[in-house]
Amino acid sequence: VNEALLTVVEKQGGKSREAAESYIEDL
């Protein structure tokens, strides 16, 4: 589920993997 959430943020937010991980960490 965490991997799927990272993918959602990465693709829908137009973010790099690193930026997506940072987004999740901020959540």
mmCIF file of all heavy atoms, coordinates in Angstrom:
data_MODEL
# 
_entry.id   MODEL 
# 
loop_
_atom_site.group_PDB 
_atom_site.id 
_atom_site.type_symbol 
_atom_site.label_atom_id 
_atom_site.label_alt_id 
_atom_site.label_comp_id 
_atom_site.label_asym_id 
_atom_site.label_entity_id 
_atom_site.label_seq_id 
_atom_site.pdbx_PDB_ins_code 
_atom_site.Cartn_x 
_atom_site.Cartn_y 
_atom_site.Cartn_z 
_atom_site.occupancy 
_atom_site.B_iso_or_equiv 
_atom_site.pdbx_formal_charge 
_atom_site.auth_seq_id 
_atom_site.auth_comp_id 
_atom_site.auth_asym_id 
_atom_site.auth_atom_id 
_atom_site.pdbx_PDB_model_num 
ATOM 1   N N   . VAL A 1 1  ? 0.841  -1.205 0.000   1.00 0.00 ? 1  VAL A N   1 
ATOM 2   C CA  . VAL A 1 1  ? 0.000  0.000  0.000   1.00 0.00 ? 1  VAL A CA  1 
ATOM 3   C C   . VAL A 1 1  ? 0.872  1.249  0.000   1.00 0.00 ? 1  VAL A C   1 
ATOM 4   O O   . VAL A 1 1  ? 0.589  2.220  -0.701  1.00 0.00 ? 1  VAL A O   1 
ATOM 5   C CB  . VAL A 1 1  ? -0.961 -0.012 1.211   1.00 0.00 ? 1  VAL A CB  1 
ATOM 6   C CG1 . VAL A 1 1  ? -1.590 1.367  1.425   1.00 0.00 ? 1  VAL A CG1 1 
ATOM 7   C CG2 . VAL A 1 1  ? -2.055 -1.052 1.011   1.00 0.00 ? 1  VAL A CG2 1 
ATOM 8   N N   . ASN A 1 2  ? 1.948  1.236  0.772   1.00 0.00 ? 2  ASN A N   1 
ATOM 9   C CA  . ASN A 1 2  ? 2.860  2.378  0.801   1.00 0.00 ? 2  ASN A CA  1 
ATOM 10  C C   . ASN A 1 2  ? 3.500  2.603  -0.569  1.00 0.00 ? 2  ASN A C   1 
ATOM 11  O O   . ASN A 1 2  ? 3.635  3.746  -1.026  1.00 0.00 ? 2  ASN A O   1 
ATOM 12  C CB  . ASN A 1 2  ? 3.944  2.151  1.858   1.00 0.00 ? 2  ASN A CB  1 
ATOM 13  C CG  . ASN A 1 2  ? 4.805  3.382  2.081   1.00 0.00 ? 2  ASN A CG  1 
ATOM 14  O OD1 . ASN A 1 2  ? 4.365  4.365  2.653   1.00 0.00 ? 2  ASN A OD1 1 
ATOM 15  N ND2 . ASN A 1 2  ? 6.048  3.322  1.611   1.00 0.00 ? 2  ASN A ND2 1 
ATOM 16  N N   . GLU A 1 3  ? 3.885  1.507  -1.227  1.00 0.00 ? 3  GLU A N   1 
ATOM 17  C CA  . GLU A 1 3  ? 4.468  1.625  -2.568  1.00 0.00 ? 3  GLU A CA  1 
ATOM 18  C C   . GLU A 1 3  ? 3.454  2.183  -3.554  1.00 0.00 ? 3  GLU A C   1 
ATOM 19  O O   . GLU A 1 3  ? 3.795  3.016  -4.410  1.00 0.00 ? 3  GLU A O   1 
ATOM 20  C CB  . GLU A 1 3  ? 4.965  0.254  -3.043  1.00 0.00 ? 3  GLU A CB  1 
ATOM 21  C CG  . GLU A 1 3  ? 6.262  -0.193 -2.393  1.00 0.00 ? 3  GLU A CG  1 
ATOM 22  C CD  . GLU A 1 3  ? 7.418  0.739  -2.697  1.00 0.00 ? 3  GLU A CD  1 
ATOM 23  O OE1 . GLU A 1 3  ? 7.628  1.066  -3.881  1.00 0.00 ? 3  GLU A OE1 1 
ATOM 24  O OE2 . GLU A 1 3  ? 8.101  1.155  -1.743  1.00 0.00 ? 3  GLU A OE2 1 
ATOM 25  N N   . ALA A 1 4  ? 2.196  1.734  -3.439  1.00 0.00 ? 4  ALA A N   1 
ATOM 26  C CA  . ALA A 1 4  ? 1.153  2.243  -4.324  1.00 0.00 ? 4  ALA A CA  1 
ATOM 27  C C   . ALA A 1 4  ? 0.921  3.732  -4.081  1.00 0.00 ? 4  ALA A C   1 
ATOM 28  O O   . ALA A 1 4  ? 0.748  4.513  -5.029  1.00 0.00 ? 4  ALA A O   1 
ATOM 29  C CB  . ALA A 1 4  ? -0.149 1.470  -4.095  1.00 0.00 ? 4  ALA A CB  1 
ATOM 30  N N   . LEU A 1 5  ? 0.949  4.137  -2.814  1.00 0.00 ? 5  LEU A N   1 
ATOM 31  C CA  . LEU A 1 5  ? 0.760  5.553  -2.488  1.00 0.00 ? 5  LEU A CA  1 
ATOM 32  C C   . LEU A 1 5  ? 1.897  6.393  -3.053  1.00 0.00 ? 5  LEU A C   1 
ATOM 33  O O   . LEU A 1 5  ? 1.677  7.491  -3.596  1.00 0.00 ? 5  LEU A O   1 
ATOM 34  C CB  . LEU A 1 5  ? 0.663  5.720  -0.971  1.00 0.00 ? 5  LEU A CB  1 
ATOM 35  C CG  . LEU A 1 5  ? 0.316  7.121  -0.469  1.00 0.00 ? 5  LEU A CG  1 
ATOM 36  C CD1 . LEU A 1 5  ? -1.049 7.564  -0.976  1.00 0.00 ? 5  LEU A CD1 1 
ATOM 37  C CD2 . LEU A 1 5  ? 0.351  7.164  1.054   1.00 0.00 ? 5  LEU A CD2 1 
ATOM 38  N N   . LEU A 1 6  ? 3.116  5.891  -2.957  1.00 0.00 ? 6  LEU A N   1 
ATOM 39  C CA  . LEU A 1 6  ? 4.266  6.591  -3.540  1.00 0.00 ? 6  LEU A CA  1 
ATOM 40  C C   . LEU A 1 6  ? 4.091  6.752  -5.050  1.00 0.00 ? 6  LEU A C   1 
ATOM 41  O O   . LEU A 1 6  ? 4.363  7.825  -5.609  1.00 0.00 ? 6  LEU A O   1 
ATOM 42  C CB  . LEU A 1 6  ? 5.554  5.822  -3.246  1.00 0.00 ? 6  LEU A CB  1 
ATOM 43  C CG  . LEU A 1 6  ? 6.229  6.075  -1.898  1.00 0.00 ? 6  LEU A CG  1 
ATOM 44  C CD1 . LEU A 1 6  ? 7.310  5.032  -1.634  1.00 0.00 ? 6  LEU A CD1 1 
ATOM 45  C CD2 . LEU A 1 6  ? 6.828  7.475  -1.843  1.00 0.00 ? 6  LEU A CD2 1 
ATOM 46  N N   . THR A 1 7  ? 3.629  5.699  -5.695  1.00 0.00 ? 7  THR A N   1 
ATOM 47  C CA  . THR A 1 7  ? 3.404  5.752  -7.144  1.00 0.00 ? 7  THR A CA  1 
ATOM 48  C C   . THR A 1 7  ? 2.339  6.776  -7.501  1.00 0.00 ? 7  THR A C   1 
ATOM 49  O O   . THR A 1 7  ? 2.481  7.532  -8.480  1.00 0.00 ? 7  THR A O   1 
ATOM 50  C CB  . THR A 1 7  ? 2.993  4.361  -7.667  1.00 0.00 ? 7  THR A CB  1 
ATOM 51  O OG1 . THR A 1 7  ? 4.031  3.423  -7.375  1.00 0.00 ? 7  THR A OG1 1 
ATOM 52  C CG2 . THR A 1 7  ? 2.748  4.392  -9.173  1.00 0.00 ? 7  THR A CG2 1 
ATOM 53  N N   . VAL A 1 8  ? 1.253  6.816  -6.707  1.00 0.00 ? 8  VAL A N   1 
ATOM 54  C CA  . VAL A 1 8  ? 0.183  7.791  -6.936  1.00 0.00 ? 8  VAL A CA  1 
ATOM 55  C C   . VAL A 1 8  ? 0.733  9.213  -6.848  1.00 0.00 ? 8  VAL A C   1 
ATOM 56  O O   . VAL A 1 8  ? 0.478  10.058 -7.724  1.00 0.00 ? 8  VAL A O   1 
ATOM 57  C CB  . VAL A 1 8  ? -0.962 7.589  -5.912  1.00 0.00 ? 8  VAL A CB  1 
ATOM 58  C CG1 . VAL A 1 8  ? -1.924 8.781  -5.942  1.00 0.00 ? 8  VAL A CG1 1 
ATOM 59  C CG2 . VAL A 1 8  ? -1.716 6.301  -6.193  1.00 0.00 ? 8  VAL A CG2 1 
ATOM 60  N N   . VAL A 1 9  ? 1.494  9.492  -5.803  1.00 0.00 ? 9  VAL A N   1 
ATOM 61  C CA  . VAL A 1 9  ? 2.042  10.835 -5.602  1.00 0.00 ? 9  VAL A CA  1 
ATOM 62  C C   . VAL A 1 9  ? 3.039  11.179 -6.697  1.00 0.00 ? 9  VAL A C   1 
ATOM 63  O O   . VAL A 1 9  ? 3.060  12.301 -7.230  1.00 0.00 ? 9  VAL A O   1 
ATOM 64  C CB  . VAL A 1 9  ? 2.694  10.932 -4.208  1.00 0.00 ? 9  VAL A CB  1 
ATOM 65  C CG1 . VAL A 1 9  ? 3.447  12.247 -4.056  1.00 0.00 ? 9  VAL A CG1 1 
ATOM 66  C CG2 . VAL A 1 9  ? 1.647  10.790 -3.115  1.00 0.00 ? 9  VAL A CG2 1 
ATOM 67  N N   . GLU A 1 10 ? 3.867  10.194 -7.053  1.00 0.00 ? 10 GLU A N   1 
ATOM 68  C CA  . GLU A 1 10 ? 4.901  10.405 -8.065  1.00 0.00 ? 10 GLU A CA  1 
ATOM 69  C C   . GLU A 1 10 ? 4.287  10.746 -9.425  1.00 0.00 ? 10 GLU A C   1 
ATOM 70  O O   . GLU A 1 10 ? 4.666  11.737 -10.064 1.00 0.00 ? 10 GLU A O   1 
ATOM 71  C CB  . GLU A 1 10 ? 5.753  9.135  -8.167  1.00 0.00 ? 10 GLU A CB  1 
ATOM 72  C CG  . GLU A 1 10 ? 6.988  9.265  -9.022  1.00 0.00 ? 10 GLU A CG  1 
ATOM 73  C CD  . GLU A 1 10 ? 7.836  8.002  -8.995  1.00 0.00 ? 10 GLU A CD  1 
ATOM 74  O OE1 . GLU A 1 10 ? 7.505  7.074  -8.226  1.00 0.00 ? 10 GLU A OE1 1 
ATOM 75  O OE2 . GLU A 1 10 ? 8.811  7.944  -9.755  1.00 0.00 ? 10 GLU A OE2 1 
ATOM 76  N N   . LYS A 1 11 ? 3.299  9.953  -9.846  1.00 0.00 ? 11 LYS A N   1 
ATOM 77  C CA  . LYS A 1 11 ? 2.743  10.122 -11.191 1.00 0.00 ? 11 LYS A CA  1 
ATOM 78  C C   . LYS A 1 11 ? 1.726  11.254 -11.253 1.00 0.00 ? 11 LYS A C   1 
ATOM 79  O O   . LYS A 1 11 ? 1.744  12.076 -12.180 1.00 0.00 ? 11 LYS A O   1 
ATOM 80  C CB  . LYS A 1 11 ? 2.130  8.810  -11.663 1.00 0.00 ? 11 LYS A CB  1 
ATOM 81  C CG  . LYS A 1 11 ? 3.168  7.721  -11.902 1.00 0.00 ? 11 LYS A CG  1 
ATOM 82  C CD  . LYS A 1 11 ? 2.573  6.482  -12.537 1.00 0.00 ? 11 LYS A CD  1 
ATOM 83  C CE  . LYS A 1 11 ? 3.659  5.459  -12.850 1.00 0.00 ? 11 LYS A CE  1 
ATOM 84  N NZ  . LYS A 1 11 ? 3.095  4.216  -13.460 1.00 0.00 ? 11 LYS A NZ  1 
ATOM 85  N N   . GLN A 1 12 ? 0.825  11.299 -10.277 1.00 0.00 ? 12 GLN A N   1 
ATOM 86  C CA  . GLN A 1 12 ? -0.215 12.326 -10.329 1.00 0.00 ? 12 GLN A CA  1 
ATOM 87  C C   . GLN A 1 12 ? 0.324  13.694 -9.935  1.00 0.00 ? 12 GLN A C   1 
ATOM 88  O O   . GLN A 1 12 ? -0.195 14.719 -10.372 1.00 0.00 ? 12 GLN A O   1 
ATOM 89  C CB  . GLN A 1 12 ? -1.372 11.940 -9.399  1.00 0.00 ? 12 GLN A CB  1 
ATOM 90  C CG  . GLN A 1 12 ? -2.078 10.658 -9.811  1.00 0.00 ? 12 GLN A CG  1 
ATOM 91  C CD  . GLN A 1 12 ? -2.650 10.730 -11.220 1.00 0.00 ? 12 GLN A CD  1 
ATOM 92  O OE1 . GLN A 1 12 ? -3.245 11.730 -11.595 1.00 0.00 ? 12 GLN A OE1 1 
ATOM 93  N NE2 . GLN A 1 12 ? -2.450 9.674  -11.999 1.00 0.00 ? 12 GLN A NE2 1 
ATOM 94  N N   . GLY A 1 13 ? 1.368  13.725 -9.106  1.00 0.00 ? 13 GLY A N   1 
ATOM 95  C CA  . GLY A 1 13 ? 1.953  14.996 -8.700  1.00 0.00 ? 13 GLY A CA  1 
ATOM 96  C C   . GLY A 1 13 ? 3.107  15.438 -9.573  1.00 0.00 ? 13 GLY A C   1 
ATOM 97  O O   . GLY A 1 13 ? 3.670  16.529 -9.355  1.00 0.00 ? 13 GLY A O   1 
ATOM 98  N N   . GLY A 1 14 ? 3.472  14.602 -10.562 1.00 0.00 ? 14 GLY A N   1 
ATOM 99  C CA  . GLY A 1 14 ? 4.592  14.930 -11.440 1.00 0.00 ? 14 GLY A CA  1 
ATOM 100 C C   . GLY A 1 14 ? 5.884  15.079 -10.684 1.00 0.00 ? 14 GLY A C   1 
ATOM 101 O O   . GLY A 1 14 ? 6.698  15.973 -10.949 1.00 0.00 ? 14 GLY A O   1 
ATOM 102 N N   . LYS A 1 15 ? 6.124  14.191 -9.725  1.00 0.00 ? 15 LYS A N   1 
ATOM 103 C CA  . LYS A 1 15 ? 7.287  14.298 -8.848  1.00 0.00 ? 15 LYS A CA  1 
ATOM 104 C C   . LYS A 1 15 ? 8.288  13.186 -9.117  1.00 0.00 ? 15 LYS A C   1 
ATOM 105 O O   . LYS A 1 15 ? 7.933  12.122 -9.623  1.00 0.00 ? 15 LYS A O   1 
ATOM 106 C CB  . LYS A 1 15 ? 6.850  14.230 -7.375  1.00 0.00 ? 15 LYS A CB  1 
ATOM 107 C CG  . LYS A 1 15 ? 5.848  15.300 -6.951  1.00 0.00 ? 15 LYS A CG  1 
ATOM 108 C CD  . LYS A 1 15 ? 5.445  15.110 -5.497  1.00 0.00 ? 15 LYS A CD  1 
ATOM 109 C CE  . LYS A 1 15 ? 4.346  16.072 -5.079  1.00 0.00 ? 15 LYS A CE  1 
ATOM 110 N NZ  . LYS A 1 15 ? 4.774  17.483 -5.139  1.00 0.00 ? 15 LYS A NZ  1 
ATOM 111 N N   . SER A 1 16 ? 9.515  13.433 -8.750  1.00 0.00 ? 16 SER A N   1 
ATOM 112 C CA  . SER A 1 16 ? 10.526 12.381 -8.782  1.00 0.00 ? 16 SER A CA  1 
ATOM 113 C C   . SER A 1 16 ? 10.256 11.418 -7.631  1.00 0.00 ? 16 SER A C   1 
ATOM 114 O O   . SER A 1 16 ? 9.479  11.728 -6.717  1.00 0.00 ? 16 SER A O   1 
ATOM 115 C CB  . SER A 1 16 ? 11.924 12.979 -8.616  1.00 0.00 ? 16 SER A CB  1 
ATOM 116 O OG  . SER A 1 16 ? 12.057 13.553 -7.320  1.00 0.00 ? 16 SER A OG  1 
ATOM 117 N N   . ARG A 1 17 ? 10.899 10.263 -7.665  1.00 0.00 ? 17 ARG A N   1 
ATOM 118 C CA  . ARG A 1 17 ? 10.732 9.302  -6.561  1.00 0.00 ? 17 ARG A CA  1 
ATOM 119 C C   . ARG A 1 17 ? 11.154 9.936  -5.233  1.00 0.00 ? 17 ARG A C   1 
ATOM 120 O O   . ARG A 1 17 ? 10.472 9.787  -4.217  1.00 0.00 ? 17 ARG A O   1 
ATOM 121 C CB  . ARG A 1 17 ? 11.582 8.048  -6.847  1.00 0.00 ? 17 ARG A CB  1 
ATOM 122 C CG  . ARG A 1 17 ? 11.629 7.032  -5.713  1.00 0.00 ? 17 ARG A CG  1 
ATOM 123 C CD  . ARG A 1 17 ? 10.360 6.243  -5.603  1.00 0.00 ? 17 ARG A CD  1 
ATOM 124 N NE  . ARG A 1 17 ? 10.444 5.260  -4.523  1.00 0.00 ? 17 ARG A NE  1 
ATOM 125 C CZ  . ARG A 1 17 ? 9.604  4.242  -4.383  1.00 0.00 ? 17 ARG A CZ  1 
ATOM 126 N NH1 . ARG A 1 17 ? 8.622  4.074  -5.251  1.00 0.00 ? 17 ARG A NH1 1 
ATOM 127 N NH2 . ARG A 1 17 ? 9.733  3.395  -3.372  1.00 0.00 ? 17 ARG A NH2 1 
ATOM 128 N N   . GLU A 1 18 ? 12.257 10.650 -5.252  1.00 0.00 ? 18 GLU A N   1 
ATOM 129 C CA  . GLU A 1 18 ? 12.750 11.288 -4.032  1.00 0.00 ? 18 GLU A CA  1 
ATOM 130 C C   . GLU A 1 18 ? 11.752 12.330 -3.520  1.00 0.00 ? 18 GLU A C   1 
ATOM 131 O O   . GLU A 1 18 ? 11.489 12.414 -2.310  1.00 0.00 ? 18 GLU A O   1 
ATOM 132 C CB  . GLU A 1 18 ? 14.105 11.943 -4.305  1.00 0.00 ? 18 GLU A CB  1 
ATOM 133 C CG  . GLU A 1 18 ? 14.766 12.534 -3.067  1.00 0.00 ? 18 GLU A CG  1 
ATOM 134 C CD  . GLU A 1 18 ? 16.128 13.127 -3.359  1.00 0.00 ? 18 GLU A CD  1 
ATOM 135 O OE1 . GLU A 1 18 ? 16.588 13.038 -4.520  1.00 0.00 ? 18 GLU A OE1 1 
ATOM 136 O OE2 . GLU A 1 18 ? 16.744 13.684 -2.430  1.00 0.00 ? 18 GLU A OE2 1 
ATOM 137 N N   . ALA A 1 19 ? 11.173 13.114 -4.428  1.00 0.00 ? 19 ALA A N   1 
ATOM 138 C CA  . ALA A 1 19 ? 10.205 14.135 -4.023  1.00 0.00 ? 19 ALA A CA  1 
ATOM 139 C C   . ALA A 1 19 ? 8.923  13.487 -3.497  1.00 0.00 ? 19 ALA A C   1 
ATOM 140 O O   . ALA A 1 19 ? 8.300  13.998 -2.555  1.00 0.00 ? 19 ALA A O   1 
ATOM 141 C CB  . ALA A 1 19 ? 9.882  15.050 -5.208  1.00 0.00 ? 19 ALA A CB  1 
ATOM 142 N N   . ALA A 1 20 ? 8.540  12.361 -4.103  1.00 0.00 ? 20 ALA A N   1 
ATOM 143 C CA  . ALA A 1 20 ? 7.349  11.645 -3.633  1.00 0.00 ? 20 ALA A CA  1 
ATOM 144 C C   . ALA A 1 20 ? 7.568  11.104 -2.225  1.00 0.00 ? 20 ALA A C   1 
ATOM 145 O O   . ALA A 1 20 ? 6.673  11.164 -1.370  1.00 0.00 ? 20 ALA A O   1 
ATOM 146 C CB  . ALA A 1 20 ? 6.997  10.519 -4.593  1.00 0.00 ? 20 ALA A CB  1 
ATOM 147 N N   . GLU A 1 21 ? 8.766  10.588 -1.989  1.00 0.00 ? 21 GLU A N   1 
ATOM 148 C CA  . GLU A 1 21 ? 9.083  10.090 -0.643  1.00 0.00 ? 21 GLU A CA  1 
ATOM 149 C C   . GLU A 1 21 ? 9.058  11.222 0.373   1.00 0.00 ? 21 GLU A C   1 
ATOM 150 O O   . GLU A 1 21 ? 8.595  11.045 1.505   1.00 0.00 ? 21 GLU A O   1 
ATOM 151 C CB  . GLU A 1 21 ? 10.455 9.403  -0.656  1.00 0.00 ? 21 GLU A CB  1 
ATOM 152 C CG  . GLU A 1 21 ? 10.456 8.080  -1.398  1.00 0.00 ? 21 GLU A CG  1 
ATOM 153 C CD  . GLU A 1 21 ? 11.843 7.469  -1.516  1.00 0.00 ? 21 GLU A CD  1 
ATOM 154 O OE1 . GLU A 1 21 ? 12.833 8.207  -1.259  1.00 0.00 ? 21 GLU A OE1 1 
ATOM 155 O OE2 . GLU A 1 21 ? 11.953 6.284  -1.865  1.00 0.00 ? 21 GLU A OE2 1 
ATOM 156 N N   . SER A 1 22 ? 9.538  12.391 -0.027  1.00 0.00 ? 22 SER A N   1 
ATOM 157 C CA  . SER A 1 22 ? 9.514  13.556 0.848   1.00 0.00 ? 22 SER A CA  1 
ATOM 158 C C   . SER A 1 22 ? 8.071  13.986 1.133   1.00 0.00 ? 22 SER A C   1 
ATOM 159 O O   . SER A 1 22 ? 7.739  14.378 2.263   1.00 0.00 ? 22 SER A O   1 
ATOM 160 C CB  . SER A 1 22 ? 10.289 14.710 0.202   1.00 0.00 ? 22 SER A CB  1 
ATOM 161 O OG  . SER A 1 22 ? 10.257 15.854 1.017   1.00 0.00 ? 22 SER A OG  1 
ATOM 162 N N   . TYR A 1 23 ? 7.221  13.906 0.121   1.00 0.00 ? 23 TYR A N   1 
ATOM 163 C CA  . TYR A 1 23 ? 5.793  14.238 0.263   1.00 0.00 ? 23 TYR A CA  1 
ATOM 164 C C   . TYR A 1 23 ? 5.137  13.307 1.294   1.00 0.00 ? 23 TYR A C   1 
ATOM 165 O O   . TYR A 1 23 ? 4.407  13.754 2.186   1.00 0.00 ? 23 TYR A O   1 
ATOM 166 C CB  . TYR A 1 23 ? 5.119  14.087 -1.098  1.00 0.00 ? 23 TYR A CB  1 
ATOM 167 C CG  . TYR A 1 23 ? 3.654  14.467 -1.163  1.00 0.00 ? 23 TYR A CG  1 
ATOM 168 C CD1 . TYR A 1 23 ? 3.254  15.716 -1.624  1.00 0.00 ? 23 TYR A CD1 1 
ATOM 169 C CD2 . TYR A 1 23 ? 2.657  13.559 -0.798  1.00 0.00 ? 23 TYR A CD2 1 
ATOM 170 C CE1 . TYR A 1 23 ? 1.907  16.057 -1.717  1.00 0.00 ? 23 TYR A CE1 1 
ATOM 171 C CE2 . TYR A 1 23 ? 1.312  13.888 -0.874  1.00 0.00 ? 23 TYR A CE2 1 
ATOM 172 C CZ  . TYR A 1 23 ? 0.947  15.140 -1.331  1.00 0.00 ? 23 TYR A CZ  1 
ATOM 173 O OH  . TYR A 1 23 ? -0.389 15.473 -1.414  1.00 0.00 ? 23 TYR A OH  1 
ATOM 174 N N   . ILE A 1 24 ? 5.434  12.008 1.178   1.00 0.00 ? 24 ILE A N   1 
ATOM 175 C CA  . ILE A 1 24 ? 4.873  11.020 2.116   1.00 0.00 ? 24 ILE A CA  1 
ATOM 176 C C   . ILE A 1 24 ? 5.405  11.267 3.525   1.00 0.00 ? 24 ILE A C   1 
ATOM 177 O O   . ILE A 1 24 ? 4.657  11.171 4.511   1.00 0.00 ? 24 ILE A O   1 
ATOM 178 C CB  . ILE A 1 24 ? 5.222  9.581  1.662   1.00 0.00 ? 24 ILE A CB  1 
ATOM 179 C CG1 . ILE A 1 24 ? 4.585  9.281  0.305   1.00 0.00 ? 24 ILE A CG1 1 
ATOM 180 C CG2 . ILE A 1 24 ? 4.767  8.571  2.698   1.00 0.00 ? 24 ILE A CG2 1 
ATOM 181 C CD1 . ILE A 1 24 ? 3.091  9.352  0.263   1.00 0.00 ? 24 ILE A CD1 1 
ATOM 182 N N   . GLU A 1 25 ? 6.684  11.599 3.631   1.00 0.00 ? 25 GLU A N   1 
ATOM 183 C CA  . GLU A 1 25 ? 7.272  11.875 4.945   1.00 0.00 ? 25 GLU A CA  1 
ATOM 184 C C   . GLU A 1 25 ? 6.614  13.088 5.582   1.00 0.00 ? 25 GLU A C   1 
ATOM 185 O O   . GLU A 1 25 ? 6.373  13.110 6.805   1.00 0.00 ? 25 GLU A O   1 
ATOM 186 C CB  . GLU A 1 25 ? 8.780  12.093 4.804   1.00 0.00 ? 25 GLU A CB  1 
ATOM 187 C CG  . GLU A 1 25 ? 9.546  12.019 6.112   1.00 0.00 ? 25 GLU A CG  1 
ATOM 188 C CD  . GLU A 1 25 ? 9.348  10.714 6.841   1.00 0.00 ? 25 GLU A CD  1 
ATOM 189 O OE1 . GLU A 1 25 ? 9.409  9.640  6.197   1.00 0.00 ? 25 GLU A OE1 1 
ATOM 190 O OE2 . GLU A 1 25 ? 9.113  10.768 8.075   1.00 0.00 ? 25 GLU A OE2 1 
ATOM 191 N N   . ASP A 1 26 ? 6.293  14.085 4.777   1.00 0.00 ? 26 ASP A N   1 
ATOM 192 C CA  . ASP A 1 26 ? 5.606  15.271 5.298   1.00 0.00 ? 26 ASP A CA  1 
ATOM 193 C C   . ASP A 1 26 ? 4.210  14.908 5.792   1.00 0.00 ? 26 ASP A C   1 
ATOM 194 O O   . ASP A 1 26 ? 3.742  15.471 6.793   1.00 0.00 ? 26 ASP A O   1 
ATOM 195 C CB  . ASP A 1 26 ? 5.521  16.357 4.218   1.00 0.00 ? 26 ASP A CB  1 
ATOM 196 C CG  . ASP A 1 26 ? 6.863  17.033 3.943   1.00 0.00 ? 26 ASP A CG  1 
ATOM 197 O OD1 . ASP A 1 26 ? 7.776  16.894 4.788   1.00 0.00 ? 26 ASP A OD1 1 
ATOM 198 O OD2 . ASP A 1 26 ? 6.999  17.658 2.879   1.00 0.00 ? 26 ASP A OD2 1 
ATOM 199 N N   . LEU A 1 27 ? 3.530  13.994 5.097   1.00 0.00 ? 27 LEU A N   1 
ATOM 200 C CA  . LEU A 1 27 ? 2.216  13.534 5.564   1.00 0.00 ? 27 LEU A CA  1 
ATOM 201 C C   . LEU A 1 27 ? 2.339  12.897 6.949   1.00 0.00 ? 27 LEU A C   1 
ATOM 202 O O   . LEU A 1 27 ? 1.515  13.136 7.838   1.00 0.00 ? 27 LEU A O   1 
ATOM 203 C CB  . LEU A 1 27 ? 1.623  12.511 4.591   1.00 0.00 ? 27 LEU A CB  1 
ATOM 204 C CG  . LEU A 1 27 ? 1.151  12.996 3.220   1.00 0.00 ? 27 LEU A CG  1 
ATOM 205 C CD1 . LEU A 1 27 ? 0.590  11.820 2.421   1.00 0.00 ? 27 LEU A CD1 1 
ATOM 206 C CD2 . LEU A 1 27 ? 0.081  14.080 3.349   1.00 0.00 ? 27 LEU A CD2 1 
# 
